[in-house]
Amino acid sequence: MLHNKVYYGFFLVVFVAIIVAIVLARTQDNPLSKIHNFDDCVKAGYPVVQGYPMECSLPNGQFYVRQVMPGR
């Protein structure tokens, strides 16, 4: 009977630890969520395609195009 309680307690602790790990993994800040434009992308160090206009690409396939003002 005592062994059953020890096993149940052990599995309960492991179960809670797994749940906590999953919750923490899902709530971590995603660095890509802080990038909203071309300048943010460049500042974060992602590759810039040299062309006209220049493009900065993220690892998830998203890219930002540098806004070019006519006549400048």
N, C-alpha and C. Protein backbone atom coordinates (compact mmCIF):
# COMPACT_ATOMS: atom_id res chain seq x y z
N MET A 1 0.82 -1.20 0.00
CA MET A 1 0.00 0.00 0.00
C MET A 1 0.87 1.26 0.00
N LEU A 2 1.93 1.24 0.79
CA LEU A 2 2.83 2.38 0.83
C LEU A 2 3.53 2.58 -0.50
N HIS A 3 3.88 1.47 -1.16
CA HIS A 3 4.53 1.57 -2.47
C HIS A 3 3.61 2.22 -3.50
N ASN A 4 2.32 1.93 -3.43
CA ASN A 4 1.36 2.54 -4.37
C ASN A 4 1.31 4.05 -4.18
N LYS A 5 1.34 4.50 -2.94
CA LYS A 5 1.31 5.93 -2.67
C LYS A 5 2.57 6.60 -3.19
N VAL A 6 3.70 5.94 -3.03
CA VAL A 6 4.97 6.49 -3.52
C VAL A 6 4.93 6.59 -5.04
N TYR A 7 4.44 5.54 -5.71
CA TYR A 7 4.35 5.57 -7.17
C TYR A 7 3.40 6.66 -7.64
N TYR A 8 2.24 6.77 -7.00
CA TYR A 8 1.28 7.81 -7.37
C TYR A 8 1.87 9.20 -7.16
N GLY A 9 2.56 9.39 -6.07
CA GLY A 9 3.19 10.68 -5.79
C GLY A 9 4.26 11.00 -6.81
N PHE A 10 5.07 10.00 -7.17
CA PHE A 10 6.11 10.19 -8.16
C PHE A 10 5.51 10.57 -9.51
N PHE A 11 4.50 9.83 -9.95
CA PHE A 11 3.88 10.12 -11.23
C PHE A 11 3.16 11.46 -11.22
N LEU A 12 2.61 11.85 -10.11
CA LEU A 12 1.97 13.15 -10.00
C LEU A 12 3.00 14.27 -10.17
N VAL A 13 4.14 14.12 -9.53
CA VAL A 13 5.21 15.12 -9.65
C VAL A 13 5.71 15.19 -11.08
N VAL A 14 5.91 14.06 -11.72
CA VAL A 14 6.37 14.04 -13.11
C VAL A 14 5.32 14.67 -14.02
N PHE A 15 4.05 14.35 -13.81
CA PHE A 15 2.97 14.91 -14.62
C PHE A 15 2.92 16.43 -14.49
N VAL A 16 3.01 16.94 -13.28
CA VAL A 16 2.98 18.38 -13.04
C VAL A 16 4.20 19.04 -13.69
N ALA A 17 5.37 18.40 -13.59
CA ALA A 17 6.58 18.96 -14.20
C ALA A 17 6.44 19.03 -15.73
N ILE A 18 5.83 18.04 -16.32
CA ILE A 18 5.62 18.05 -17.77
C ILE A 18 4.65 19.16 -18.16
N ILE A 19 3.59 19.33 -17.43
CA ILE A 19 2.62 20.39 -17.71
C ILE A 19 3.28 21.76 -17.59
N VAL A 20 4.06 21.96 -16.55
CA VAL A 20 4.75 23.24 -16.35
C VAL A 20 5.72 23.49 -17.51
N ALA A 21 6.45 22.47 -17.94
CA ALA A 21 7.40 22.63 -19.05
C ALA A 21 6.67 23.01 -20.34
N ILE A 22 5.52 22.40 -20.59
CA ILE A 22 4.76 22.72 -21.80
C ILE A 22 4.25 24.15 -21.75
N VAL A 23 3.72 24.56 -20.62
CA VAL A 23 3.21 25.93 -20.48
C VAL A 23 4.33 26.94 -20.66
N LEU A 24 5.47 26.70 -20.06
CA LEU A 24 6.60 27.62 -20.19
C LEU A 24 7.11 27.68 -21.63
N ALA A 25 7.14 26.56 -22.31
CA ALA A 25 7.61 26.54 -23.69
C ALA A 25 6.67 27.33 -24.60
N ARG A 26 5.39 27.29 -24.33
CA ARG A 26 4.43 28.01 -25.18
C ARG A 26 4.37 29.49 -24.88
N THR A 27 4.76 29.90 -23.69
CA THR A 27 4.65 31.31 -23.32
C THR A 27 5.94 32.09 -23.52
N GLN A 28 7.01 31.42 -23.97
CA GLN A 28 8.25 32.16 -24.20
C GLN A 28 8.05 33.14 -25.35
N ASP A 29 8.74 34.25 -25.27
CA ASP A 29 8.64 35.26 -26.32
C ASP A 29 9.23 34.72 -27.62
N ASN A 30 8.50 34.89 -28.66
CA ASN A 30 8.97 34.53 -29.99
C ASN A 30 9.72 35.74 -30.55
N PRO A 31 11.02 35.61 -30.84
CA PRO A 31 11.76 36.78 -31.32
C PRO A 31 11.21 37.34 -32.63
N LEU A 32 10.58 36.50 -33.44
CA LEU A 32 10.03 36.99 -34.70
C LEU A 32 8.80 37.87 -34.49
N SER A 33 8.15 37.73 -33.35
CA SER A 33 6.95 38.54 -33.10
C SER A 33 7.29 40.00 -32.83
N LYS A 34 8.57 40.29 -32.60
CA LYS A 34 8.98 41.67 -32.33
C LYS A 34 9.40 42.40 -33.60
N ILE A 35 9.32 41.72 -34.74
CA ILE A 35 9.72 42.32 -36.01
C ILE A 35 8.47 42.70 -36.78
N HIS A 36 8.36 44.00 -37.08
CA HIS A 36 7.16 44.51 -37.73
C HIS A 36 7.43 45.23 -39.04
N ASN A 37 8.70 45.49 -39.36
CA ASN A 37 9.01 46.20 -40.59
C ASN A 37 10.45 45.90 -41.02
N PHE A 38 10.85 46.49 -42.13
CA PHE A 38 12.17 46.26 -42.71
C PHE A 38 13.27 46.62 -41.71
N ASP A 39 13.15 47.77 -41.08
CA ASP A 39 14.21 48.22 -40.16
C ASP A 39 14.35 47.27 -38.97
N ASP A 40 13.23 46.79 -38.42
CA ASP A 40 13.29 45.84 -37.31
C ASP A 40 14.01 44.56 -37.75
N CYS A 41 13.71 44.12 -38.96
CA CYS A 41 14.31 42.90 -39.50
C CYS A 41 15.83 43.05 -39.62
N VAL A 42 16.27 44.19 -40.15
CA VAL A 42 17.71 44.45 -40.31
C VAL A 42 18.39 44.53 -38.95
N LYS A 43 17.76 45.25 -38.01
CA LYS A 43 18.35 45.39 -36.67
C LYS A 43 18.48 44.05 -35.96
N ALA A 44 17.56 43.11 -36.26
CA ALA A 44 17.61 41.79 -35.64
C ALA A 44 18.69 40.91 -36.27
N GLY A 45 19.29 41.39 -37.38
CA GLY A 45 20.41 40.67 -37.97
C GLY A 45 20.05 39.66 -39.04
N TYR A 46 18.84 39.72 -39.56
CA TYR A 46 18.44 38.79 -40.60
C TYR A 46 18.99 39.24 -41.95
N PRO A 47 19.15 38.31 -42.89
CA PRO A 47 19.80 38.65 -44.17
C PRO A 47 18.99 39.63 -45.02
N VAL A 48 19.73 40.50 -45.67
CA VAL A 48 19.14 41.50 -46.56
C VAL A 48 19.54 41.17 -47.98
N VAL A 49 18.53 41.09 -48.85
CA VAL A 49 18.78 40.84 -50.27
C VAL A 49 19.02 42.19 -50.93
N GLN A 50 20.20 42.35 -51.50
CA GLN A 50 20.55 43.61 -52.15
C GLN A 50 19.89 43.64 -53.52
N GLY A 51 19.03 44.56 -53.70
CA GLY A 51 18.31 44.75 -54.95
C GLY A 51 17.54 46.04 -54.84
N TYR A 52 16.61 46.23 -55.74
CA TYR A 52 15.81 47.44 -55.64
C TYR A 52 14.36 47.06 -55.73
N PRO A 53 13.61 47.23 -54.70
CA PRO A 53 14.01 47.65 -53.36
C PRO A 53 14.62 46.49 -52.57
N MET A 54 15.36 46.81 -51.52
CA MET A 54 16.00 45.78 -50.70
C MET A 54 14.93 45.02 -49.92
N GLU A 55 15.22 43.73 -49.65
CA GLU A 55 14.31 42.89 -48.88
C GLU A 55 15.07 42.24 -47.73
N CYS A 56 14.41 42.12 -46.60
CA CYS A 56 14.97 41.43 -45.45
C CYS A 56 14.09 40.20 -45.21
N SER A 57 14.71 39.02 -45.12
CA SER A 57 13.92 37.80 -44.99
C SER A 57 14.10 37.14 -43.63
N LEU A 58 13.00 36.60 -43.12
CA LEU A 58 12.98 35.91 -41.83
C LEU A 58 13.06 34.41 -42.06
N PRO A 59 13.46 33.64 -41.05
CA PRO A 59 13.58 32.19 -41.20
C PRO A 59 12.25 31.50 -41.51
N ASN A 60 11.13 32.12 -41.16
CA ASN A 60 9.83 31.49 -41.40
C ASN A 60 9.30 31.76 -42.80
N GLY A 61 10.10 32.41 -43.66
CA GLY A 61 9.70 32.68 -45.03
C GLY A 61 9.09 34.06 -45.24
N GLN A 62 8.79 34.74 -44.18
CA GLN A 62 8.22 36.09 -44.27
C GLN A 62 9.35 37.05 -44.65
N PHE A 63 9.01 38.11 -45.37
CA PHE A 63 10.02 39.10 -45.71
C PHE A 63 9.42 40.50 -45.67
N TYR A 64 10.31 41.45 -45.51
CA TYR A 64 9.92 42.87 -45.47
C TYR A 64 10.69 43.60 -46.55
N VAL A 65 9.99 44.48 -47.22
CA VAL A 65 10.59 45.25 -48.31
C VAL A 65 10.84 46.67 -47.80
N ARG A 66 12.03 47.18 -48.12
CA ARG A 66 12.37 48.55 -47.72
C ARG A 66 11.49 49.53 -48.50
N GLN A 67 10.86 50.43 -47.77
CA GLN A 67 10.01 51.44 -48.41
C GLN A 67 10.89 52.50 -49.04
N VAL A 68 10.68 52.72 -50.32
CA VAL A 68 11.47 53.71 -51.06
C VAL A 68 10.55 54.86 -51.46
N MET A 69 10.95 56.06 -51.08
CA MET A 69 10.18 57.25 -51.44
C MET A 69 10.59 57.71 -52.85
N PRO A 70 9.65 57.95 -53.71
CA PRO A 70 9.98 58.41 -55.06
C PRO A 70 10.75 59.73 -55.03
N GLY A 71 11.78 59.81 -55.85
CA GLY A 71 12.55 61.05 -55.95
C GLY A 71 13.62 61.19 -54.90
N ARG A 72 13.87 60.18 -54.09
CA ARG A 72 14.92 60.29 -53.05
C ARG A 72 16.04 59.35 -53.30
